[in-house]
């Protein structure tokens, strides 16, 4: 049996928060913490049979659910998400910032525009995706010093974009919900143009 999809949780105001497993979603349903739901039914879990009624218990969960309470209260839609190579490469659509080639994950590297050894930071605004060849050619220099041009600018993904970057199996109703929350300059919108339009 295929694993049920991840469930998109929101705060009670409808702000995207995080992905949870169906088990975590069941906890929210059982504790009566689900304020409202959207989307299709993503899973149904069956329990035991009640001695009193003879009915079998079950919990059906929607693909998008808003959680009530302070646990979800504004956990920072505008917080800077953690940087990892996987999400960086997805942000940049696996395209080298210097040669423009599209490469597999294993042929890509994280390049610091201003090298760390020269005071650069390891953050979203100072890193781009680079193929191994271009990164090796650039070495411990800025693009200008190496005589190469940066083909696109780095940016910090917002929470909605980060949620898209971290889940490869997003359901269509979840994507429809997330896309309007993504910043207009995001490269993710190019990759998901059919979902956005």
C-alpha atoms as a PDB file:
ATOM      1  CA  UNK A   1       0.000   0.000   0.000  1.00  0.00           C
ATOM      2  CA  UNK A   2       1.323   3.464  -0.902  1.00  0.00           C
ATOM      3  CA  UNK A   3       2.168   5.804   1.925  1.00  0.00           C
ATOM      4  CA  UNK A   4      -0.501   8.523   2.313  1.00  0.00           C
ATOM      5  CA  UNK A   5       0.614  12.004   1.259  1.00  0.00           C
ATOM      6  CA  UNK A   6       1.887  14.593   3.693  1.00  0.00           C
ATOM      7  CA  UNK A   7      -0.814  16.904   5.047  1.00  0.00           C
ATOM      8  CA  UNK A   8      -0.417  20.670   4.750  1.00  0.00           C
ATOM      9  CA  UNK A   9      -1.126  22.402   8.056  1.00  0.00           C
ATOM     10  CA  UNK A  10      -2.082  26.046   8.407  1.00  0.00           C
ATOM     11  CA  UNK A  11      -2.630  28.293  11.375  1.00  0.00           C
ATOM     12  CA  UNK A  12      -6.255  29.221  12.096  1.00  0.00           C
ATOM     13  CA  UNK A  13      -5.866  32.337   9.889  1.00  0.00           C
ATOM     14  CA  UNK A  14      -4.957  30.218   6.866  1.00  0.00           C
ATOM     15  CA  UNK A  15      -1.217  30.919   6.864  1.00  0.00           C
ATOM     16  CA  UNK A  16       0.824  27.886   5.666  1.00  0.00           C
ATOM     17  CA  UNK A  17       2.803  26.310   8.509  1.00  0.00           C
ATOM     18  CA  UNK A  18       4.329  22.860   7.826  1.00  0.00           C
ATOM     19  CA  UNK A  19       3.878  19.350   6.467  1.00  0.00           C
ATOM     20  CA  UNK A  20       2.751  16.607   8.854  1.00  0.00           C
ATOM     21  CA  UNK A  21       2.321  12.848   8.459  1.00  0.00           C
ATOM     22  CA  UNK A  22      -1.103  11.216   8.588  1.00  0.00           C
ATOM     23  CA  UNK A  23      -0.243  10.023  12.115  1.00  0.00           C
ATOM     24  CA  UNK A  24       0.377  13.596  13.275  1.00  0.00           C
ATOM     25  CA  UNK A  25      -2.824  14.680  11.514  1.00  0.00           C
ATOM     26  CA  UNK A  26      -4.770  11.975  13.393  1.00  0.00           C
ATOM     27  CA  UNK A  27      -3.432  13.394  16.665  1.00  0.00           C
ATOM     28  CA  UNK A  28      -4.820  16.852  15.747  1.00  0.00           C
ATOM     29  CA  UNK A  29      -8.208  15.329  14.845  1.00  0.00           C
ATOM     30  CA  UNK A  30      -8.333  13.198  18.012  1.00  0.00           C
ATOM     31  CA  UNK A  31      -7.468  16.196  20.205  1.00  0.00           C
ATOM     32  CA  UNK A  32     -10.122  18.320  18.441  1.00  0.00           C
ATOM     33  CA  UNK A  33      -7.474  20.819  17.316  1.00  0.00           C
ATOM     34  CA  UNK A  34      -8.587  20.997  13.667  1.00  0.00           C
ATOM     35  CA  UNK A  35     -10.293  24.389  13.162  1.00  0.00           C
ATOM     36  CA  UNK A  36     -11.272  23.768   9.507  1.00  0.00           C
ATOM     37  CA  UNK A  37     -10.176  21.821   6.446  1.00  0.00           C
ATOM     38  CA  UNK A  38      -9.781  22.265   2.698  1.00  0.00           C
ATOM     39  CA  UNK A  39      -9.061  19.983  -0.203  1.00  0.00           C
ATOM     40  CA  UNK A  40      -9.817  16.361  -0.794  1.00  0.00           C
ATOM     41  CA  UNK A  41      -9.867  13.564   1.775  1.00  0.00           C
ATOM     42  CA  UNK A  42      -6.250  12.378   1.773  1.00  0.00           C
ATOM     43  CA  UNK A  43      -6.511   9.382   4.101  1.00  0.00           C
ATOM     44  CA  UNK A  44      -8.852   7.277   6.233  1.00  0.00           C
ATOM     45  CA  UNK A  45      -7.615   5.302   9.220  1.00  0.00           C
ATOM     46  CA  UNK A  46      -9.791   2.627  10.826  1.00  0.00           C
ATOM     47  CA  UNK A  47      -9.801   1.734  14.518  1.00  0.00           C
ATOM     48  CA  UNK A  48     -11.584  -0.839  16.577  1.00  0.00           C
ATOM     49  CA  UNK A  49     -15.272  -1.741  16.861  1.00  0.00           C
ATOM     50  CA  UNK A  50     -17.296  -0.162  19.679  1.00  0.00           C
ATOM     51  CA  UNK A  51     -18.863  -2.711  22.015  1.00  0.00           C
ATOM     52  CA  UNK A  52     -21.747  -0.367  22.728  1.00  0.00           C
ATOM     53  CA  UNK A  53     -22.684   0.530  19.132  1.00  0.00           C
ATOM     54  CA  UNK A  54     -21.042  -2.146  17.010  1.00  0.00           C
ATOM     55  CA  UNK A  55     -19.643   0.653  14.827  1.00  0.00           C
ATOM     56  CA  UNK A  56     -16.039   0.702  13.688  1.00  0.00           C
ATOM     57  CA  UNK A  57     -14.219   3.942  14.478  1.00  0.00           C
ATOM     58  CA  UNK A  58     -12.400   5.860  11.769  1.00  0.00           C
ATOM     59  CA  UNK A  59     -10.662   9.167  11.133  1.00  0.00           C
ATOM     60  CA  UNK A  60     -10.650  10.712   7.668  1.00  0.00           C
ATOM     61  CA  UNK A  61      -8.235  13.538   7.081  1.00  0.00           C
ATOM     62  CA  UNK A  62      -8.215  16.254   4.470  1.00  0.00           C
ATOM     63  CA  UNK A  63      -5.116  17.270   2.519  1.00  0.00           C
ATOM     64  CA  UNK A  64      -5.141  20.772   4.070  1.00  0.00           C
ATOM     65  CA  UNK A  65      -6.062  21.474   7.687  1.00  0.00           C
ATOM     66  CA  UNK A  66      -5.989  24.528   9.906  1.00  0.00           C
ATOM     67  CA  UNK A  67      -4.884  23.920  13.475  1.00  0.00           C
ATOM     68  CA  UNK A  68      -6.311  25.972  16.309  1.00  0.00           C
ATOM     69  CA  UNK A  69      -4.367  27.147  19.309  1.00  0.00           C
ATOM     70  CA  UNK A  70      -1.160  28.896  20.190  1.00  0.00           C
ATOM     71  CA  UNK A  71       1.030  26.023  18.986  1.00  0.00           C
ATOM     72  CA  UNK A  72       0.516  27.295  15.456  1.00  0.00           C
ATOM     73  CA  UNK A  73       0.185  30.995  16.226  1.00  0.00           C
ATOM     74  CA  UNK A  74       2.246  32.932  13.721  1.00  0.00           C
ATOM     75  CA  UNK A  75       5.292  30.671  13.809  1.00  0.00           C
ATOM     76  CA  UNK A  76       6.847  33.113  11.438  1.00  0.00           C
ATOM     77  CA  UNK A  77       5.592  33.082   7.880  1.00  0.00           C
ATOM     78  CA  UNK A  78       8.396  35.581   7.335  1.00  0.00           C
ATOM     79  CA  UNK A  79      11.077  33.596   9.191  1.00  0.00           C
ATOM     80  CA  UNK A  80      14.102  32.690   7.099  1.00  0.00           C
ATOM     81  CA  UNK A  81      13.881  28.969   6.306  1.00  0.00           C
ATOM     82  CA  UNK A  82      16.899  26.732   6.936  1.00  0.00           C
ATOM     83  CA  UNK A  83      19.346  26.437   4.044  1.00  0.00           C
ATOM     84  CA  UNK A  84      20.144  23.007   2.632  1.00  0.00           C
ATOM     85  CA  UNK A  85      21.579  21.914  -0.704  1.00  0.00           C
ATOM     86  CA  UNK A  86      18.417  20.050  -1.643  1.00  0.00           C
ATOM     87  CA  UNK A  87      16.182  23.112  -1.265  1.00  0.00           C
ATOM     88  CA  UNK A  88      18.843  25.428  -2.753  1.00  0.00           C
ATOM     89  CA  UNK A  89      19.099  23.286  -5.894  1.00  0.00           C
ATOM     90  CA  UNK A  90      15.310  23.168  -6.134  1.00  0.00           C
ATOM     91  CA  UNK A  91      15.066  26.939  -5.662  1.00  0.00           C
ATOM     92  CA  UNK A  92      17.472  27.384  -8.578  1.00  0.00           C
ATOM     93  CA  UNK A  93      15.732  24.634 -10.602  1.00  0.00           C
ATOM     94  CA  UNK A  94      19.017  22.665 -10.763  1.00  0.00           C
ATOM     95  CA  UNK A  95      20.454  25.263 -13.141  1.00  0.00           C
ATOM     96  CA  UNK A  96      24.070  26.404 -12.755  1.00  0.00           C
ATOM     97  CA  UNK A  97      24.167  30.145 -12.022  1.00  0.00           C
ATOM     98  CA  UNK A  98      27.268  30.553 -14.203  1.00  0.00           C
ATOM     99  CA  UNK A  99      26.931  28.382 -17.334  1.00  0.00           C
ATOM    100  CA  UNK A 100      23.133  28.010 -17.342  1.00  0.00           C
ATOM    101  CA  UNK A 101      23.283  24.237 -17.695  1.00  0.00           C
ATOM    102  CA  UNK A 102      20.760  21.990 -15.992  1.00  0.00           C
ATOM    103  CA  UNK A 103      22.399  19.189 -13.984  1.00  0.00           C
ATOM    104  CA  UNK A 104      21.472  16.240 -11.794  1.00  0.00           C
ATOM    105  CA  UNK A 105      21.660  16.711  -8.026  1.00  0.00           C
ATOM    106  CA  UNK A 106      25.004  14.875  -7.785  1.00  0.00           C
ATOM    107  CA  UNK A 107      26.688  17.157 -10.322  1.00  0.00           C
ATOM    108  CA  UNK A 108      25.754  20.328  -8.427  1.00  0.00           C
ATOM    109  CA  UNK A 109      27.436  22.267  -5.633  1.00  0.00           C
ATOM    110  CA  UNK A 110      26.601  25.164  -3.349  1.00  0.00           C
ATOM    111  CA  UNK A 111      28.639  28.175  -4.438  1.00  0.00           C
ATOM    112  CA  UNK A 112      29.206  31.155  -2.160  1.00  0.00           C
ATOM    113  CA  UNK A 113      29.143  34.292  -4.297  1.00  0.00           C
ATOM    114  CA  UNK A 114      31.429  36.004  -1.789  1.00  0.00           C
ATOM    115  CA  UNK A 115      33.590  33.094  -0.538  1.00  0.00           C
ATOM    116  CA  UNK A 116      33.320  32.150   3.146  1.00  0.00           C
ATOM    117  CA  UNK A 117      37.088  32.613   3.565  1.00  0.00           C
ATOM    118  CA  UNK A 118      36.648  36.241   2.516  1.00  0.00           C
ATOM    119  CA  UNK A 119      33.813  37.103   4.870  1.00  0.00           C
ATOM    120  CA  UNK A 120      30.862  35.735   2.897  1.00  0.00           C
ATOM    121  CA  UNK A 121      27.981  34.157   4.749  1.00  0.00           C
ATOM    122  CA  UNK A 122      26.413  30.745   4.324  1.00  0.00           C
ATOM    123  CA  UNK A 123      22.906  32.095   3.740  1.00  0.00           C
ATOM    124  CA  UNK A 124      20.287  32.184   0.991  1.00  0.00           C
ATOM    125  CA  UNK A 125      21.391  35.617  -0.284  1.00  0.00           C
ATOM    126  CA  UNK A 126      25.049  34.599  -0.772  1.00  0.00           C
ATOM    127  CA  UNK A 127      24.611  31.174  -2.355  1.00  0.00           C
ATOM    128  CA  UNK A 128      23.680  29.875  -5.778  1.00  0.00           C
ATOM    129  CA  UNK A 129      23.623  26.511  -7.461  1.00  0.00           C
ATOM    130  CA  UNK A 130      26.748  25.805  -9.528  1.00  0.00           C
ATOM    131  CA  UNK A 131      27.920  22.814 -11.509  1.00  0.00           C
ATOM    132  CA  UNK A 132      31.157  21.259 -10.291  1.00  0.00           C
ATOM    133  CA  UNK A 133      33.088  22.568 -13.315  1.00  0.00           C
ATOM    134  CA  UNK A 134      32.045  26.217 -12.819  1.00  0.00           C
ATOM    135  CA  UNK A 135      32.561  26.071  -9.063  1.00  0.00           C
ATOM    136  CA  UNK A 136      36.060  24.679  -9.594  1.00  0.00           C
ATOM    137  CA  UNK A 137      36.812  27.369 -12.155  1.00  0.00           C
ATOM    138  CA  UNK A 138      35.565  30.153  -9.866  1.00  0.00           C
ATOM    139  CA  UNK A 139      37.533  28.846  -6.876  1.00  0.00           C
ATOM    140  CA  UNK A 140      38.045  31.288  -4.000  1.00  0.00           C
ATOM    141  CA  UNK A 141      37.040  34.363  -6.010  1.00  0.00           C
ATOM    142  CA  UNK A 142      33.994  36.501  -6.654  1.00  0.00           C
ATOM    143  CA  UNK A 143      32.295  36.047 -10.053  1.00  0.00           C
ATOM    144  CA  UNK A 144      33.791  39.365 -11.206  1.00  0.00           C
ATOM    145  CA  UNK A 145      37.319  38.297 -10.228  1.00  0.00           C
ATOM    146  CA  UNK A 146      36.823  34.957 -12.004  1.00  0.00           C
ATOM    147  CA  UNK A 147      35.550  36.710 -15.124  1.00  0.00           C
ATOM    148  CA  UNK A 148      32.182  34.933 -15.068  1.00  0.00           C
ATOM    149  CA  UNK A 149      28.700  36.368 -14.925  1.00  0.00           C
ATOM    150  CA  UNK A 150      25.969  35.485 -12.461  1.00  0.00           C
ATOM    151  CA  UNK A 151      22.949  34.503 -14.601  1.00  0.00           C
ATOM    152  CA  UNK A 152      20.349  34.895 -11.842  1.00  0.00           C
ATOM    153  CA  UNK A 153      20.129  36.549  -8.456  1.00  0.00           C
ATOM    154  CA  UNK A 154      19.843  34.658  -5.175  1.00  0.00           C
ATOM    155  CA  UNK A 155      16.810  35.244  -2.958  1.00  0.00           C
ATOM    156  CA  UNK A 156      15.294  33.958   0.275  1.00  0.00           C
ATOM    157  CA  UNK A 157      12.279  31.696  -0.339  1.00  0.00           C
ATOM    158  CA  UNK A 158       9.238  32.569   1.744  1.00  0.00           C
ATOM    159  CA  UNK A 159       7.461  29.941   3.860  1.00  0.00           C
ATOM    160  CA  UNK A 160       5.038  28.864   1.114  1.00  0.00           C
ATOM    161  CA  UNK A 161       7.841  28.426  -1.414  1.00  0.00           C
ATOM    162  CA  UNK A 162       9.942  26.560   1.135  1.00  0.00           C
ATOM    163  CA  UNK A 163       7.041  24.153   1.740  1.00  0.00           C
ATOM    164  CA  UNK A 164       6.911  23.523  -2.020  1.00  0.00           C
ATOM    165  CA  UNK A 165      10.685  22.990  -2.130  1.00  0.00           C
ATOM    166  CA  UNK A 166      10.644  20.452   0.712  1.00  0.00           C
ATOM    167  CA  UNK A 167       7.911  18.123  -0.576  1.00  0.00           C
ATOM    168  CA  UNK A 168       8.241  16.273  -3.880  1.00  0.00           C
ATOM    169  CA  UNK A 169       4.738  14.716  -3.691  1.00  0.00           C
ATOM    170  CA  UNK A 170       2.448  17.708  -3.314  1.00  0.00           C
ATOM    171  CA  UNK A 171      -1.198  17.074  -4.130  1.00  0.00           C
ATOM    172  CA  UNK A 172      -2.804  19.383  -6.697  1.00  0.00           C
ATOM    173  CA  UNK A 173      -5.172  20.975  -4.158  1.00  0.00           C
ATOM    174  CA  UNK A 174      -2.229  21.669  -1.827  1.00  0.00           C
ATOM    175  CA  UNK A 175      -0.286  23.271  -4.689  1.00  0.00           C
ATOM    176  CA  UNK A 176      -3.295  25.402  -5.640  1.00  0.00           C
ATOM    177  CA  UNK A 177      -3.405  26.643  -2.046  1.00  0.00           C
ATOM    178  CA  UNK A 178       0.346  27.350  -1.768  1.00  0.00           C
ATOM    179  CA  UNK A 179       1.057  29.040  -5.106  1.00  0.00           C
ATOM    180  CA  UNK A 180      -0.815  32.311  -4.327  1.00  0.00           C
ATOM    181  CA  UNK A 181       1.295  32.637  -1.143  1.00  0.00           C
ATOM    182  CA  UNK A 182       4.608  32.420  -3.066  1.00  0.00           C
ATOM    183  CA  UNK A 183       6.435  35.713  -3.735  1.00  0.00           C
ATOM    184  CA  UNK A 184       5.969  37.000  -7.282  1.00  0.00           C
ATOM    185  CA  UNK A 185       9.710  36.865  -8.140  1.00  0.00           C
ATOM    186  CA  UNK A 186      10.078  33.205  -7.219  1.00  0.00           C
ATOM    187  CA  UNK A 187      11.592  30.784  -9.737  1.00  0.00           C
ATOM    188  CA  UNK A 188       9.292  28.114  -8.298  1.00  0.00           C
ATOM    189  CA  UNK A 189       6.387  29.808 -10.074  1.00  0.00           C
ATOM    190  CA  UNK A 190       8.081  29.078 -13.413  1.00  0.00           C
ATOM    191  CA  UNK A 191       8.370  25.399 -12.543  1.00  0.00           C
ATOM    192  CA  UNK A 192       4.726  25.184 -11.456  1.00  0.00           C
ATOM    193  CA  UNK A 193       3.185  27.491 -14.058  1.00  0.00           C
ATOM    194  CA  UNK A 194       0.358  25.013 -14.897  1.00  0.00           C
ATOM    195  CA  UNK A 195      -0.657  24.911 -11.205  1.00  0.00           C
ATOM    196  CA  UNK A 196      -0.515  28.701 -10.979  1.00  0.00           C
ATOM    197  CA  UNK A 197      -2.528  29.373 -14.117  1.00  0.00           C
END
